[in-house]
Amino acid sequence: MAHALPNAATDTPQAATPDRPNTPDLATDAIRTAREDLAACFRMAARNGFEEGICNHFSAVVPGHDDLFIVNPYGKAFRELTASDLVICDFHGNVVDGTGTPEATAFYIHAEIHKRLPRARVAFHTHMPYATALSMTEGDPLIWAGQTALKFYGRTAVDENYNGLALDHAEGARIAEAVGEADIVFMKHHGVMVLAPTIAEAWDDLYYLERAAEVQVLAMSTGRKVLPVAPDVAQATYDQIREEDASSAKLHLAAIRRQLDAEEPQYRH
């Protein structure tokens, strides 16, 4: 379930006001592009069934402002979000641009992730069904049996210590620490987090992570033993995939934007 921010809390997002001092320039082309890219990811995530009600959240550090991040506001489903709906927060609880505030866990998790892990310019958190199902099972979530899964070979971590909803900075900091050097975090009994240097790479990882999880769940459902790829082949395949990952991710994001431009152009508004 989504959880609203407590109105009286300190250091939690407060709505932007016209008289807030030292408001940065947030009307640059780079920021507008980031907003549109994120909005496209929300819309396409909804099309693929990656969202859960109004609970899940994507964020990105604001281009040119390492102390601010863009995130979806509380109360809107992925499929209705537009570029201008997204809000910009600082790490101290101020909404410096946009209407509304992020959902409570969105703020506490994403603020700590971006503050403590500078490499994580983008963070996508979902309860998408197949990856989340694997987070609920015994042992490592991915078996490394399918080619798509090998995109993530050596890049995953498991946060074993589910602690309820992330409703304070301490829990957000604990989750950030559990990430280590991973890009993909399976949050036990909860969902997944994808961290990336760009929005395109975050989307690409999110999409293929759920596809890999779906195929594995189908294989497991047969009741037959699922056979992993030999470690040396798995590593070699991962290396091959990673050589083209960044450029492939850009093309993937461009493709979803073309689809949305033709079918749901309002995402850019």
C-alpha atoms as a PDB file:
ATOM      1  CA  MET A   1       0.000   0.000   0.000  1.00  0.00           C
ATOM      2  CA  ALA A   2       1.082   3.568  -0.609  1.00  0.00           C
ATOM      3  CA  HIS A   3       1.716   5.684   2.456  1.00  0.00           C
ATOM      4  CA  ALA A   4       1.190   9.428   2.654  1.00  0.00           C
ATOM      5  CA  LEU A   5       3.768  11.603   4.318  1.00  0.00           C
ATOM      6  CA  PRO A   6       2.911  12.725   7.856  1.00  0.00           C
ATOM      7  CA  ASN A   7       1.979  16.393   7.665  1.00  0.00           C
ATOM      8  CA  ALA A   8       3.697  17.387  10.881  1.00  0.00           C
ATOM      9  CA  ALA A   9       6.965  15.523  10.290  1.00  0.00           C
ATOM     10  CA  THR A  10      10.239  17.365  10.005  1.00  0.00           C
ATOM     11  CA  ASP A  11      12.704  16.744   7.188  1.00  0.00           C
ATOM     12  CA  THR A  12       9.998  15.256   4.994  1.00  0.00           C
ATOM     13  CA  PRO A  13       8.852  16.745   1.697  1.00  0.00           C
ATOM     14  CA  GLN A  14       6.950  19.994   1.977  1.00  0.00           C
ATOM     15  CA  ALA A  15       5.197  21.507  -1.031  1.00  0.00           C
ATOM     16  CA  ALA A  16       7.025  24.122  -3.060  1.00  0.00           C
ATOM     17  CA  THR A  17       6.090  27.749  -2.360  1.00  0.00           C
ATOM     18  CA  PRO A  18       6.598  30.815  -4.568  1.00  0.00           C
ATOM     19  CA  ASP A  19       8.685  32.582  -1.946  1.00  0.00           C
ATOM     20  CA  ARG A  20      11.121  29.733  -1.277  1.00  0.00           C
ATOM     21  CA  PRO A  21      14.620  31.305  -1.320  1.00  0.00           C
ATOM     22  CA  ASN A  22      17.420  30.295  -3.662  1.00  0.00           C
ATOM     23  CA  THR A  23      15.228  28.270  -5.998  1.00  0.00           C
ATOM     24  CA  PRO A  24      17.520  26.991  -8.783  1.00  0.00           C
ATOM     25  CA  ASP A  25      16.879  27.326 -12.508  1.00  0.00           C
ATOM     26  CA  LEU A  26      14.974  24.172 -13.394  1.00  0.00           C
ATOM     27  CA  ALA A  27      13.807  25.183 -16.857  1.00  0.00           C
ATOM     28  CA  THR A  28      16.775  23.862 -18.850  1.00  0.00           C
ATOM     29  CA  ASP A  29      16.504  21.640 -21.929  1.00  0.00           C
ATOM     30  CA  ALA A  30      18.373  18.834 -20.137  1.00  0.00           C
ATOM     31  CA  ILE A  31      15.899  18.828 -17.255  1.00  0.00           C
ATOM     32  CA  ARG A  32      12.936  18.889 -19.620  1.00  0.00           C
ATOM     33  CA  THR A  33      14.357  15.904 -21.489  1.00  0.00           C
ATOM     34  CA  ALA A  34      14.863  14.029 -18.217  1.00  0.00           C
ATOM     35  CA  ARG A  35      11.263  14.721 -17.234  1.00  0.00           C
ATOM     36  CA  GLU A  36       9.972  13.459 -20.577  1.00  0.00           C
ATOM     37  CA  ASP A  37      12.195  10.368 -20.481  1.00  0.00           C
ATOM     38  CA  LEU A  38      10.973   9.510 -16.987  1.00  0.00           C
ATOM     39  CA  ALA A  39       7.358  10.088 -17.956  1.00  0.00           C
ATOM     40  CA  ALA A  40       7.836   7.724 -20.904  1.00  0.00           C
ATOM     41  CA  CYS A  41       9.252   5.079 -18.563  1.00  0.00           C
ATOM     42  CA  PHE A  42       6.272   5.406 -16.217  1.00  0.00           C
ATOM     43  CA  ARG A  43       3.810   5.031 -19.099  1.00  0.00           C
ATOM     44  CA  MET A  44       5.578   2.036 -20.607  1.00  0.00           C
ATOM     45  CA  ALA A  45       6.023   0.402 -17.194  1.00  0.00           C
ATOM     46  CA  ALA A  46       2.250   0.632 -16.772  1.00  0.00           C
ATOM     47  CA  ARG A  47       1.696  -0.940 -20.184  1.00  0.00           C
ATOM     48  CA  ASN A  48       3.900  -3.860 -19.141  1.00  0.00           C
ATOM     49  CA  GLY A  49       2.218  -4.346 -15.768  1.00  0.00           C
ATOM     50  CA  PHE A  50       5.286  -3.340 -13.760  1.00  0.00           C
ATOM     51  CA  GLU A  51       3.440  -0.936 -11.445  1.00  0.00           C
ATOM     52  CA  GLU A  52       1.309  -1.673  -8.382  1.00  0.00           C
ATOM     53  CA  GLY A  53      -1.479   0.836  -7.837  1.00  0.00           C
ATOM     54  CA  ILE A  54       0.050   4.182  -6.812  1.00  0.00           C
ATOM     55  CA  CYS A  55       2.812   2.607  -4.743  1.00  0.00           C
ATOM     56  CA  ASN A  56       5.952   2.350  -6.876  1.00  0.00           C
ATOM     57  CA  HIS A  57       8.426   5.071  -7.758  1.00  0.00           C
ATOM     58  CA  PHE A  58      11.133   6.120 -10.221  1.00  0.00           C
ATOM     59  CA  SER A  59      13.633   8.906  -9.579  1.00  0.00           C
ATOM     60  CA  ALA A  60      16.561  10.600 -11.288  1.00  0.00           C
ATOM     61  CA  VAL A  61      19.107  13.128 -10.094  1.00  0.00           C
ATOM     62  CA  VAL A  62      18.365  16.478 -11.741  1.00  0.00           C
ATOM     63  CA  PRO A  63      20.846  17.273 -14.547  1.00  0.00           C
ATOM     64  CA  GLY A  64      23.178  19.983 -13.287  1.00  0.00           C
ATOM     65  CA  HIS A  65      21.925  19.741  -9.687  1.00  0.00           C
ATOM     66  CA  ASP A  66      23.392  16.819  -7.755  1.00  0.00           C
ATOM     67  CA  ASP A  67      21.462  17.730  -4.607  1.00  0.00           C
ATOM     68  CA  LEU A  68      18.028  17.417  -6.236  1.00  0.00           C
ATOM     69  CA  PHE A  69      16.037  14.547  -7.686  1.00  0.00           C
ATOM     70  CA  ILE A  70      12.945  14.137  -9.872  1.00  0.00           C
ATOM     71  CA  VAL A  71      10.301  11.707  -8.604  1.00  0.00           C
ATOM     72  CA  ASN A  72       6.636  10.900  -9.136  1.00  0.00           C
ATOM     73  CA  PRO A  73       4.106  12.568  -6.819  1.00  0.00           C
ATOM     74  CA  TYR A  74       1.927  10.652  -4.388  1.00  0.00           C
ATOM     75  CA  GLY A  75      -1.522   9.699  -5.611  1.00  0.00           C
ATOM     76  CA  LYS A  76      -1.008   9.284  -9.364  1.00  0.00           C
ATOM     77  CA  ALA A  77      -0.783   5.984 -11.211  1.00  0.00           C
ATOM     78  CA  PHE A  78       2.062   5.394 -13.649  1.00  0.00           C
ATOM     79  CA  ARG A  79      -0.295   5.330 -16.631  1.00  0.00           C
ATOM     80  CA  GLU A  80      -1.526   8.899 -16.038  1.00  0.00           C
ATOM     81  CA  LEU A  81       1.786  10.643 -15.284  1.00  0.00           C
ATOM     82  CA  THR A  82       3.093  13.392 -17.543  1.00  0.00           C
ATOM     83  CA  ALA A  83       6.428  15.192 -17.603  1.00  0.00           C
ATOM     84  CA  SER A  84       5.017  18.230 -15.809  1.00  0.00           C
ATOM     85  CA  ASP A  85       3.410  16.074 -13.088  1.00  0.00           C
ATOM     86  CA  LEU A  86       6.809  15.016 -11.761  1.00  0.00           C
ATOM     87  CA  VAL A  87       8.157  16.874  -8.730  1.00  0.00           C
ATOM     88  CA  ILE A  88      11.702  17.883  -7.833  1.00  0.00           C
ATOM     89  CA  CYS A  89      12.877  17.406  -4.244  1.00  0.00           C
ATOM     90  CA  ASP A  90      16.048  18.089  -2.306  1.00  0.00           C
ATOM     91  CA  PHE A  91      17.492  15.624   0.202  1.00  0.00           C
ATOM     92  CA  HIS A  92      16.115  17.567   3.174  1.00  0.00           C
ATOM     93  CA  GLY A  93      12.421  17.365   2.453  1.00  0.00           C
ATOM     94  CA  ASN A  94      11.740  20.414   0.315  1.00  0.00           C
ATOM     95  CA  VAL A  95       9.787  20.127  -2.928  1.00  0.00           C
ATOM     96  CA  VAL A  96      11.449  22.846  -4.984  1.00  0.00           C
ATOM     97  CA  ASP A  97       9.399  22.384  -8.141  1.00  0.00           C
ATOM     98  CA  GLY A  98       6.036  20.862  -8.929  1.00  0.00           C
ATOM     99  CA  THR A  99       2.680  20.257  -7.294  1.00  0.00           C
ATOM    100  CA  GLY A 100       2.267  17.743  -4.481  1.00  0.00           C
ATOM    101  CA  THR A 101       4.811  15.606  -2.665  1.00  0.00           C
ATOM    102  CA  PRO A 102       6.267  12.125  -3.197  1.00  0.00           C
ATOM    103  CA  GLU A 103       4.880   9.122  -1.373  1.00  0.00           C
ATOM    104  CA  ALA A 104       6.620   8.622   1.980  1.00  0.00           C
ATOM    105  CA  THR A 105       8.681   5.560   1.111  1.00  0.00           C
ATOM    106  CA  ALA A 106       9.625   7.135  -2.217  1.00  0.00           C
ATOM    107  CA  PHE A 107      11.222  10.059  -0.421  1.00  0.00           C
ATOM    108  CA  TYR A 108      12.995   8.096   2.298  1.00  0.00           C
ATOM    109  CA  ILE A 109      14.378   5.423  -0.033  1.00  0.00           C
ATOM    110  CA  HIS A 110      15.316   7.579  -3.011  1.00  0.00           C
ATOM    111  CA  ALA A 111      16.737  10.513  -1.051  1.00  0.00           C
ATOM    112  CA  GLU A 112      19.126   8.195   0.789  1.00  0.00           C
ATOM    113  CA  ILE A 113      20.012   6.200  -2.330  1.00  0.00           C
ATOM    114  CA  HIS A 114      20.945   9.326  -4.313  1.00  0.00           C
ATOM    115  CA  LYS A 115      22.715  10.988  -1.391  1.00  0.00           C
ATOM    116  CA  ARG A 116      24.775   7.979  -0.340  1.00  0.00           C
ATOM    117  CA  LEU A 117      25.409   6.380  -3.753  1.00  0.00           C
ATOM    118  CA  PRO A 118      26.458   9.106  -6.215  1.00  0.00           C
ATOM    119  CA  ARG A 119      26.831   6.508  -8.985  1.00  0.00           C
ATOM    120  CA  ALA A 120      23.081   5.861  -8.702  1.00  0.00           C
ATOM    121  CA  ARG A 121      21.907   8.776 -10.818  1.00  0.00           C
ATOM    122  CA  VAL A 122      18.667   6.916 -11.464  1.00  0.00           C
ATOM    123  CA  ALA A 123      16.675   4.585  -9.189  1.00  0.00           C
ATOM    124  CA  PHE A 124      13.613   2.597 -10.257  1.00  0.00           C
ATOM    125  CA  HIS A 125      11.679   0.720  -7.562  1.00  0.00           C
ATOM    126  CA  THR A 126       8.789  -1.591  -8.407  1.00  0.00           C
ATOM    127  CA  HIS A 127       6.787  -4.518  -7.103  1.00  0.00           C
ATOM    128  CA  MET A 128       6.616  -5.991 -10.617  1.00  0.00           C
ATOM    129  CA  PRO A 129       5.206  -9.490 -10.227  1.00  0.00           C
ATOM    130  CA  TYR A 130       7.780 -11.974 -11.473  1.00  0.00           C
ATOM    131  CA  ALA A 131      10.875 -10.306 -10.006  1.00  0.00           C
ATOM    132  CA  THR A 132       9.001  -9.713  -6.755  1.00  0.00           C
ATOM    133  CA  ALA A 133       7.927 -13.364  -6.675  1.00  0.00           C
ATOM    134  CA  LEU A 134      11.577 -14.409  -6.872  1.00  0.00           C
ATOM    135  CA  SER A 135      12.390 -12.037  -3.989  1.00  0.00           C
ATOM    136  CA  MET A 136      10.038 -14.135  -1.861  1.00  0.00           C
ATOM    137  CA  THR A 137      11.722 -17.473  -2.519  1.00  0.00           C
ATOM    138  CA  GLU A 138      14.512 -19.287  -0.727  1.00  0.00           C
ATOM    139  CA  GLY A 139      18.042 -18.830  -2.064  1.00  0.00           C
ATOM    140  CA  ASP A 140      19.375 -16.542  -4.766  1.00  0.00           C
ATOM    141  CA  PRO A 141      16.564 -15.060  -6.863  1.00  0.00           C
ATOM    142  CA  LEU A 142      18.139 -15.624 -10.291  1.00  0.00           C
ATOM    143  CA  ILE A 143      19.403 -19.067 -11.294  1.00  0.00           C
ATOM    144  CA  TRP A 144      21.437 -17.821 -14.332  1.00  0.00           C
ATOM    145  CA  ALA A 145      19.743 -20.334 -16.572  1.00  0.00           C
ATOM    146  CA  GLY A 146      18.422 -18.021 -19.287  1.00  0.00           C
ATOM    147  CA  GLN A 147      20.351 -15.781 -21.665  1.00  0.00           C
ATOM    148  CA  THR A 148      18.389 -12.676 -20.666  1.00  0.00           C
ATOM    149  CA  ALA A 149      19.252 -13.262 -17.007  1.00  0.00           C
ATOM    150  CA  LEU A 150      22.952 -13.232 -17.873  1.00  0.00           C
ATOM    151  CA  LYS A 151      22.681  -9.487 -18.507  1.00  0.00           C
ATOM    152  CA  PHE A 152      22.623  -9.236 -14.692  1.00  0.00           C
ATOM    153  CA  TYR A 153      25.333 -11.784 -13.896  1.00  0.00           C
ATOM    154  CA  GLY A 154      27.469 -10.461 -11.034  1.00  0.00           C
ATOM    155  CA  ARG A 155      25.382  -7.275 -10.761  1.00  0.00           C
ATOM    156  CA  THR A 156      22.797  -8.281  -8.158  1.00  0.00           C
ATOM    157  CA  ALA A 157      22.467  -8.019  -4.402  1.00  0.00           C
ATOM    158  CA  VAL A 158      19.789  -9.267  -2.018  1.00  0.00           C
ATOM    159  CA  ASP A 159      18.559  -7.146   0.869  1.00  0.00           C
ATOM    160  CA  GLU A 160      17.727  -9.978   3.257  1.00  0.00           C
ATOM    161  CA  ASN A 161      16.542  -7.793   6.125  1.00  0.00           C
ATOM    162  CA  TYR A 162      12.995  -6.769   5.334  1.00  0.00           C
ATOM    163  CA  ASN A 163      11.979  -4.285   8.006  1.00  0.00           C
ATOM    164  CA  GLY A 164       8.499  -3.129   7.034  1.00  0.00           C
ATOM    165  CA  LEU A 165       7.752   0.146   5.264  1.00  0.00           C
ATOM    166  CA  ALA A 166      10.620   2.602   4.790  1.00  0.00           C
ATOM    167  CA  LEU A 167       9.164   5.500   6.757  1.00  0.00           C
ATOM    168  CA  ASP A 168      12.298   7.219   8.016  1.00  0.00           C
ATOM    169  CA  HIS A 169      15.803   8.162   6.917  1.00  0.00           C
ATOM    170  CA  ALA A 170      17.342   5.306   8.938  1.00  0.00           C
ATOM    171  CA  GLU A 171      15.528   2.656   6.907  1.00  0.00           C
ATOM    172  CA  GLY A 172      16.410   4.420   3.665  1.00  0.00           C
ATOM    173  CA  ALA A 173      20.056   4.497   4.752  1.00  0.00           C
ATOM    174  CA  ARG A 174      19.945   0.791   5.654  1.00  0.00           C
ATOM    175  CA  ILE A 175      18.624  -0.062   2.191  1.00  0.00           C
ATOM    176  CA  ALA A 176      21.323   2.092   0.549  1.00  0.00           C
ATOM    177  CA  GLU A 177      23.993   0.270   2.544  1.00  0.00           C
ATOM    178  CA  ALA A 178      22.589  -3.121   1.522  1.00  0.00           C
ATOM    179  CA  VAL A 179      23.086  -2.193  -2.139  1.00  0.00           C
ATOM    180  CA  GLY A 180      26.884  -2.395  -1.961  1.00  0.00           C
ATOM    181  CA  GLU A 181      28.278  -2.326  -5.509  1.00  0.00           C
ATOM    182  CA  ALA A 182      25.195  -3.878  -7.102  1.00  0.00           C
ATOM    183  CA  ASP A 183      22.986  -2.375  -9.793  1.00  0.00           C
ATOM    184  CA  ILE A 184      20.031  -4.671  -9.132  1.00  0.00           C
ATOM    185  CA  VAL A 185      18.695  -5.217  -5.618  1.00  0.00           C
ATOM    186  CA  PHE A 186      16.155  -7.889  -4.780  1.00  0.00           C
ATOM    187  CA  MET A 187      14.429  -6.616  -1.639  1.00  0.00           C
ATOM    188  CA  LYS A 188      13.242  -9.705   0.230  1.00  0.00           C
ATOM    189  CA  HIS A 189       9.468  -9.874   0.703  1.00  0.00           C
ATOM    190  CA  HIS A 190       9.141  -6.498  -1.023  1.00  0.00           C
ATOM    191  CA  GLY A 191      10.233  -5.908  -4.627  1.00  0.00           C
ATOM    192  CA  VAL A 192      13.236  -4.795  -6.629  1.00  0.00           C
ATOM    193  CA  MET A 193      15.388  -1.707  -7.081  1.00  0.00           C
ATOM    194  CA  VAL A 194      17.284  -0.912 -10.289  1.00  0.00           C
ATOM    195  CA  LEU A 195      20.137   1.617 -10.109  1.00  0.00           C
ATOM    196  CA  ALA A 196      21.794   3.108 -13.175  1.00  0.00           C
ATOM    197  CA  PRO A 197      23.806   6.074 -14.450  1.00  0.00           C
ATOM    198  CA  THR A 198      21.119   7.067 -16.976  1.00  0.00           C
ATOM    199  CA  ILE A 199      17.354   6.838 -17.360  1.00  0.00           C
ATOM    200  CA  ALA A 200      17.797   4.777 -20.524  1.00  0.00           C
ATOM    201  CA  GLU A 201      19.942   2.181 -18.751  1.00  0.00           C
ATOM    202  CA  ALA A 202      17.553   2.008 -15.800  1.00  0.00           C
ATOM    203  CA  TRP A 203      14.619   1.357 -18.114  1.00  0.00           C
ATOM    204  CA  ASP A 204      16.547  -1.253 -20.089  1.00  0.00           C
ATOM    205  CA  ASP A 205      17.521  -3.105 -16.919  1.00  0.00           C
ATOM    206  CA  LEU A 206      14.038  -2.909 -15.426  1.00  0.00           C
ATOM    207  CA  TYR A 207      12.433  -4.294 -18.565  1.00  0.00           C
ATOM    208  CA  TYR A 208      14.844  -7.169 -19.073  1.00  0.00           C
ATOM    209  CA  LEU A 209      14.950  -8.014 -15.366  1.00  0.00           C
ATOM    210  CA  GLU A 210      11.216  -8.698 -15.366  1.00  0.00           C
ATOM    211  CA  ARG A 211      11.494 -10.668 -18.605  1.00  0.00           C
ATOM    212  CA  ALA A 212      14.292 -12.799 -17.125  1.00  0.00           C
ATOM    213  CA  ALA A 213      12.289 -13.356 -13.952  1.00  0.00           C
ATOM    214  CA  GLU A 214       9.161 -14.274 -15.918  1.00  0.00           C
ATOM    215  CA  VAL A 215      10.959 -16.916 -17.970  1.00  0.00           C
ATOM    216  CA  GLN A 216      12.574 -18.374 -14.847  1.00  0.00           C
ATOM    217  CA  VAL A 217       9.239 -18.587 -13.012  1.00  0.00           C
ATOM    218  CA  LEU A 218       7.746 -20.371 -16.035  1.00  0.00           C
ATOM    219  CA  ALA A 219      10.669 -22.809 -16.116  1.00  0.00           C
ATOM    220  CA  MET A 220      10.341 -23.463 -12.374  1.00  0.00           C
ATOM    221  CA  SER A 221       6.602 -24.043 -12.760  1.00  0.00           C
ATOM    222  CA  THR A 222       7.230 -27.107 -14.931  1.00  0.00           C
ATOM    223  CA  GLY A 223       8.534 -28.955 -11.865  1.00  0.00           C
ATOM    224  CA  ARG A 224      11.630 -29.994 -13.797  1.00  0.00           C
ATOM    225  CA  LYS A 225      15.105 -29.016 -12.638  1.00  0.00           C
ATOM    226  CA  VAL A 226      16.249 -25.653 -13.990  1.00  0.00           C
ATOM    227  CA  LEU A 227      19.821 -25.964 -15.240  1.00  0.00           C
ATOM    228  CA  PRO A 228      22.163 -22.964 -14.819  1.00  0.00           C
ATOM    229  CA  VAL A 229      24.698 -21.967 -17.446  1.00  0.00           C
ATOM    230  CA  ALA A 230      28.314 -22.842 -16.596  1.00  0.00           C
ATOM    231  CA  PRO A 231      29.955 -19.918 -14.696  1.00  0.00           C
ATOM    232  CA  ASP A 232      32.649 -19.304 -17.326  1.00  0.00           C
ATOM    233  CA  VAL A 233      30.052 -19.144 -20.102  1.00  0.00           C
ATOM    234  CA  ALA A 234      27.810 -16.970 -17.957  1.00  0.00           C
ATOM    235  CA  GLN A 235      30.643 -14.490 -17.382  1.00  0.00           C
ATOM    236  CA  ALA A 236      31.630 -14.456 -21.042  1.00  0.00           C
ATOM    237  CA  THR A 237      28.022 -13.875 -22.119  1.00  0.00           C
ATOM    238  CA  TYR A 238      27.643 -11.070 -19.585  1.00  0.00           C
ATOM    239  CA  ASP A 239      30.797  -9.425 -20.960  1.00  0.00           C
ATOM    240  CA  GLN A 240      29.399  -9.630 -24.488  1.00  0.00           C
ATOM    241  CA  ILE A 241      26.093  -8.089 -23.422  1.00  0.00           C
ATOM    242  CA  ARG A 242      27.725  -5.273 -21.439  1.00  0.00           C
ATOM    243  CA  GLU A 243      29.803  -4.175 -24.424  1.00  0.00           C
ATOM    244  CA  GLU A 244      26.656  -2.876 -26.097  1.00  0.00           C
ATOM    245  CA  ASP A 245      24.436  -2.181 -23.086  1.00  0.00           C
ATOM    246  CA  ALA A 246      24.623   1.622 -22.943  1.00  0.00           C
ATOM    247  CA  SER A 247      24.060   2.136 -26.674  1.00  0.00           C
ATOM    248  CA  SER A 248      21.339  -0.519 -26.770  1.00  0.00           C
ATOM    249  CA  ALA A 249      19.604   1.125 -23.815  1.00  0.00           C
ATOM    250  CA  LYS A 250      19.492   4.477 -25.628  1.00  0.00           C
ATOM    251  CA  LEU A 251      17.875   2.807 -28.627  1.00  0.00           C
ATOM    252  CA  HIS A 252      15.405   1.012 -26.345  1.00  0.00           C
ATOM    253  CA  LEU A 253      14.313   4.276 -24.692  1.00  0.00           C
ATOM    254  CA  ALA A 254      14.042   5.974 -28.094  1.00  0.00           C
ATOM    255  CA  ALA A 255      11.825   3.114 -29.277  1.00  0.00           C
ATOM    256  CA  ILE A 256       9.392   3.424 -26.369  1.00  0.00           C
ATOM    257  CA  ARG A 257       9.238   7.179 -26.858  1.00  0.00           C
ATOM    258  CA  ARG A 258       8.360   6.701 -30.535  1.00  0.00           C
ATOM    259  CA  GLN A 259       5.562   4.334 -29.559  1.00  0.00           C
ATOM    260  CA  LEU A 260       4.217   6.777 -26.992  1.00  0.00           C
ATOM    261  CA  ASP A 261       4.571   9.755 -29.336  1.00  0.00           C
ATOM    262  CA  ALA A 262       2.258   7.931 -31.728  1.00  0.00           C
ATOM    263  CA  GLU A 263      -0.198   6.528 -29.184  1.00  0.00           C
ATOM    264  CA  GLU A 264      -0.003   8.559 -25.926  1.00  0.00           C
ATOM    265  CA  PRO A 265       1.714  11.868 -26.788  1.00  0.00           C
ATOM    266  CA  GLN A 266       0.259  13.530 -23.677  1.00  0.00           C
ATOM    267  CA  TYR A 267       3.049  11.950 -21.580  1.00  0.00           C
ATOM    268  CA  ARG A 268       5.283  14.804 -22.769  1.00  0.00           C
ATOM    269  CA  HIS A 269       3.027  17.561 -21.411  1.00  0.00           C
END
